[in-house]
Amino acid sequence: MTVYPGRSAGAAPSVALLDYGSGNLHSANRALIRAGAEVTVTADPEIALAADGLVVPGVGAFAACMAGLRAVRGERIIGKRLAGGRPVLGICVGMQILFERGVEFGVETEGCAEWPGTVEQLPAPVLPHMGWNTVRTPADSVLFAGMDEQTRFYFVHSYAAQKWAWNDADTAIPAAKLTWAEHGGPFLAAVENGPLSATQFHPEKSGDAGALLLRNWVNSL
């Protein structure tokens, strides 16, 4: 059994920012540091497993992100952390790859399958969905604590998970906290599911609101 080092009193939470060739690492790194984390940008499994939190960024195509993730065994790192109840945060395509599969241009790609369901193109007349949008959050959200219903976040994507396929009643895990947004129809803007959280928007590009969300997550570690 792996034993992880504890954090000394007063020390900043350690966060591993997973470097697998697909992500806005520079902006995410700066945002996490501002949120109070001690950040290491890494593809080293030992560092990624030992950190208090793991952030999985992602930009571009689902298939390309999965190829890069598998090249550094990122799906195993995510799975092993979650098996031990250790926090993971996915951002943008880093959220999408947590689902079972993604479909882009008729091509289906297997994801990490931490959540059931398929990521598909949004049914909107204008794509990508680019810019600021409000979200509908659950009342007991940890990520969105301290924010009101007019808070806006920055999105840039054409694909998303558009339904929650997990029957929470079939598991002993508390029901997932789901946050929704609209662009041509409803889609999942964020999920909080035990140690696994994710946002479809970019908190590192979302100004004060994104900074507060990241600080909420870092403070929960």
Protein backbone atom coordinates (compact mmCIF):
# COMPACT_ATOMS: atom_id res chain seq x y z
CA MET A 1 0.00 0.00 0.00
CA THR A 2 1.31 3.44 -0.94
CA VAL A 3 1.74 5.81 1.99
CA TYR A 4 1.53 9.50 1.10
CA PRO A 5 3.39 12.11 3.13
CA GLY A 6 1.26 14.37 5.28
CA ARG A 7 1.34 18.16 4.94
CA SER A 8 3.02 20.05 7.74
CA ALA A 9 0.95 22.59 9.66
CA GLY A 10 0.71 25.91 7.83
CA ALA A 11 2.19 24.58 4.58
CA ALA A 12 0.51 25.41 1.28
CA PRO A 13 -1.35 22.49 -0.36
CA SER A 14 0.79 20.81 -3.03
CA VAL A 15 -0.78 20.59 -6.49
CA ALA A 16 0.59 18.63 -9.45
CA LEU A 17 -0.35 20.19 -12.79
CA LEU A 18 -0.26 17.28 -15.21
CA ASP A 19 1.90 17.97 -18.27
CA TYR A 20 0.85 15.62 -21.06
CA GLY A 21 1.26 17.94 -24.02
CA SER A 22 -2.27 19.36 -24.06
CA GLY A 23 -3.15 22.15 -21.72
CA ASN A 24 -2.85 25.83 -20.89
CA LEU A 25 -0.06 25.12 -18.39
CA HIS A 26 1.34 28.63 -17.96
CA SER A 27 -1.98 30.31 -17.15
CA ALA A 28 -3.18 27.40 -15.02
CA ASN A 29 0.10 27.36 -13.08
CA ARG A 30 -0.11 31.09 -12.29
CA ALA A 31 -3.78 30.85 -11.31
CA LEU A 32 -3.18 27.94 -8.95
CA ILE A 33 -0.27 29.72 -7.30
CA ARG A 34 -2.48 32.78 -6.78
CA ALA A 35 -5.09 30.44 -5.27
CA GLY A 36 -2.58 29.45 -2.59
CA ALA A 37 -1.14 26.20 -3.94
CA GLU A 38 2.46 25.07 -4.22
CA VAL A 39 2.45 23.93 -7.86
CA THR A 40 4.64 21.45 -9.72
CA VAL A 41 4.18 21.07 -13.48
CA THR A 42 4.99 17.42 -14.10
CA ALA A 43 4.41 14.17 -15.93
CA ASP A 44 6.19 12.18 -13.21
CA PRO A 45 3.73 9.63 -11.79
CA GLU A 46 5.30 9.64 -8.32
CA ILE A 47 4.99 13.42 -7.98
CA ALA A 48 1.47 13.41 -9.45
CA LEU A 49 0.38 10.69 -7.02
CA ALA A 50 2.00 12.25 -3.95
CA ALA A 51 0.60 15.78 -4.36
CA ASP A 52 -2.38 16.89 -2.28
CA GLY A 53 -4.26 17.66 -5.50
CA LEU A 54 -3.91 16.87 -9.20
CA VAL A 55 -5.09 19.22 -11.96
CA VAL A 56 -5.68 17.80 -15.45
CA PRO A 57 -5.88 20.64 -18.00
CA GLY A 58 -6.85 20.15 -21.62
CA VAL A 59 -7.31 22.06 -24.86
CA GLY A 60 -7.97 20.92 -28.42
CA ALA A 61 -9.41 17.62 -29.60
CA PHE A 62 -10.63 14.82 -27.35
CA ALA A 63 -8.67 12.17 -29.27
CA ALA A 64 -5.42 14.13 -29.16
CA CYS A 65 -5.78 14.75 -25.44
CA MET A 66 -6.39 11.07 -24.75
CA ALA A 67 -3.36 10.11 -26.84
CA GLY A 68 -1.18 12.51 -24.87
CA LEU A 69 -2.65 11.37 -21.57
CA ARG A 70 -2.00 7.71 -22.32
CA ALA A 71 1.57 8.51 -23.39
CA VAL A 72 2.35 9.55 -19.80
CA ARG A 73 -0.03 6.96 -18.27
CA GLY A 74 -2.17 9.81 -17.06
CA GLU A 75 -5.34 7.74 -17.02
CA ARG A 76 -3.66 5.37 -14.53
CA ILE A 77 -2.52 8.28 -12.37
CA ILE A 78 -6.08 9.64 -12.26
CA GLY A 79 -7.56 6.21 -11.51
CA LYS A 80 -5.05 5.43 -8.78
CA ARG A 81 -5.58 8.79 -7.07
CA LEU A 82 -9.36 8.39 -7.12
CA ALA A 83 -9.14 4.84 -5.81
CA GLY A 84 -7.41 6.32 -2.78
CA GLY A 85 -9.90 9.20 -2.46
CA ARG A 86 -7.29 11.79 -3.47
CA PRO A 87 -8.58 14.96 -5.20
CA VAL A 88 -8.44 15.49 -8.97
CA LEU A 89 -9.66 18.56 -10.89
CA GLY A 90 -10.21 18.43 -14.67
CA ILE A 91 -10.41 21.61 -16.76
CA CYS A 92 -12.09 21.98 -20.20
CA VAL A 93 -11.06 18.94 -22.30
CA GLY A 94 -9.53 17.72 -19.04
CA MET A 95 -13.16 17.39 -17.91
CA GLN A 96 -14.34 15.78 -21.13
CA ILE A 97 -11.79 12.95 -21.06
CA LEU A 98 -13.15 11.84 -17.67
CA PHE A 99 -16.24 10.48 -19.44
CA GLU A 100 -16.48 7.10 -21.18
CA ARG A 101 -16.09 8.39 -24.72
CA GLY A 102 -15.95 11.40 -26.98
CA VAL A 103 -17.33 11.71 -30.52
CA GLU A 104 -15.78 14.28 -32.86
CA PHE A 105 -16.30 14.38 -36.64
CA GLY A 106 -17.88 10.93 -36.47
CA VAL A 107 -14.85 9.42 -34.73
CA GLU A 108 -15.41 7.81 -31.34
CA THR A 109 -12.56 7.81 -28.82
CA GLU A 110 -12.47 6.02 -25.48
CA GLY A 111 -12.02 8.29 -22.48
CA CYS A 112 -10.93 7.55 -18.92
CA ALA A 113 -14.43 6.24 -18.04
CA GLU A 114 -14.46 7.70 -14.55
CA TRP A 115 -18.00 8.85 -15.42
CA PRO A 116 -20.44 7.18 -17.82
CA GLY A 117 -21.64 9.07 -20.85
CA THR A 118 -20.51 10.59 -24.13
CA VAL A 119 -19.08 13.99 -24.98
CA GLU A 120 -20.67 15.26 -28.20
CA GLN A 121 -21.01 18.43 -30.25
CA LEU A 122 -23.32 21.08 -28.82
CA PRO A 123 -26.61 21.51 -30.75
CA ALA A 124 -26.02 25.22 -31.25
CA PRO A 125 -26.16 27.32 -34.44
CA VAL A 126 -22.93 29.10 -33.51
CA LEU A 127 -19.81 27.15 -32.55
CA PRO A 128 -17.53 27.26 -30.75
CA HIS A 129 -19.26 28.43 -27.62
CA MET A 130 -16.77 31.18 -26.87
CA GLY A 131 -17.08 33.85 -24.22
CA TRP A 132 -18.71 34.49 -20.87
CA ASN A 133 -21.75 32.62 -19.60
CA THR A 134 -23.64 32.12 -16.37
CA VAL A 135 -24.14 28.71 -14.76
CA ARG A 136 -26.75 27.01 -12.56
CA THR A 137 -25.07 25.64 -9.45
CA PRO A 138 -26.33 23.32 -6.69
CA ALA A 139 -26.90 25.00 -3.34
CA ASP A 140 -24.32 22.87 -1.54
CA SER A 141 -21.49 23.32 -4.05
CA VAL A 142 -17.96 23.57 -2.68
CA LEU A 143 -16.41 24.90 -5.90
CA PHE A 144 -18.95 27.72 -6.29
CA ALA A 145 -19.22 28.73 -2.62
CA GLY A 146 -19.46 32.49 -2.21
CA MET A 147 -20.79 33.15 -5.73
CA ASP A 148 -24.20 34.30 -6.88
CA GLU A 149 -26.32 33.27 -9.87
CA GLN A 150 -25.06 36.17 -11.99
CA THR A 151 -21.43 35.03 -11.78
CA ARG A 152 -19.99 34.43 -15.26
CA PHE A 153 -17.23 32.13 -16.44
CA TYR A 154 -15.19 31.96 -19.64
CA PHE A 155 -15.94 29.11 -22.05
CA VAL A 156 -14.32 28.09 -25.33
CA HIS A 157 -15.54 24.72 -26.65
CA SER A 158 -17.76 23.03 -29.22
CA TYR A 159 -18.28 19.73 -27.36
CA ALA A 160 -19.58 18.83 -23.93
CA ALA A 161 -21.38 16.20 -21.90
CA GLN A 162 -25.06 17.05 -22.26
CA LYS A 163 -26.56 14.67 -19.72
CA TRP A 164 -25.56 12.95 -16.50
CA ALA A 165 -25.74 9.21 -17.10
CA TRP A 166 -24.80 7.97 -13.63
CA ASN A 167 -27.64 6.66 -11.45
CA ASP A 168 -26.42 7.96 -8.10
CA ALA A 169 -28.94 5.77 -6.28
CA ASP A 170 -26.97 2.69 -7.38
CA THR A 171 -23.81 3.71 -5.51
CA ALA A 172 -22.79 4.33 -1.92
CA ILE A 173 -21.10 7.57 -2.98
CA PRO A 174 -23.07 10.75 -2.22
CA ALA A 175 -24.93 12.10 -5.25
CA ALA A 176 -22.79 14.19 -7.59
CA LYS A 177 -23.22 17.96 -7.49
CA LEU A 178 -24.00 19.07 -11.03
CA THR A 179 -23.64 22.58 -12.48
CA TRP A 180 -25.32 23.34 -15.81
CA ALA A 181 -25.01 26.00 -18.51
CA GLU A 182 -26.85 26.67 -21.80
CA HIS A 183 -25.63 27.02 -25.36
CA GLY A 184 -28.06 25.58 -27.86
CA GLY A 185 -29.26 23.38 -25.01
CA PRO A 186 -28.15 22.39 -21.50
CA PHE A 187 -24.70 20.95 -20.90
CA LEU A 188 -22.62 20.12 -17.85
CA ALA A 189 -20.52 23.12 -16.87
CA ALA A 190 -19.05 21.45 -13.78
CA VAL A 191 -19.27 18.25 -11.74
CA GLU A 192 -18.31 17.65 -8.10
CA ASN A 193 -18.25 13.92 -7.40
CA GLY A 194 -16.39 13.01 -4.22
CA PRO A 195 -12.66 13.52 -4.85
CA LEU A 196 -13.23 14.09 -8.58
CA SER A 197 -14.23 17.56 -9.76
CA ALA A 198 -14.16 19.21 -13.18
CA THR A 199 -15.16 22.36 -15.04
CA GLN A 200 -15.97 22.74 -18.74
CA PHE A 201 -15.07 26.43 -18.56
CA HIS A 202 -11.57 27.78 -17.92
CA PRO A 203 -11.29 29.05 -14.33
CA GLU A 204 -7.78 30.34 -15.08
CA LYS A 205 -9.31 32.67 -17.70
CA SER A 206 -12.41 33.60 -15.69
CA GLY A 207 -11.12 36.55 -13.70
CA ASP A 208 -12.14 36.94 -10.05
CA ALA A 209 -14.80 34.23 -10.30
CA GLY A 210 -12.32 31.66 -11.58
CA ALA A 211 -9.79 32.70 -8.96
CA LEU A 212 -12.37 32.15 -6.20
CA LEU A 213 -13.32 28.74 -7.61
CA LEU A 214 -9.69 27.60 -7.67
CA ARG A 215 -9.15 28.96 -4.17
CA ASN A 216 -12.22 27.02 -2.97
CA TRP A 217 -10.78 23.84 -4.49
CA VAL A 218 -7.27 24.40 -3.13
CA ASN A 219 -8.67 25.14 0.34
CA SER A 220 -10.56 21.83 0.24
CA LEU A 221 -7.37 19.79 -0.17
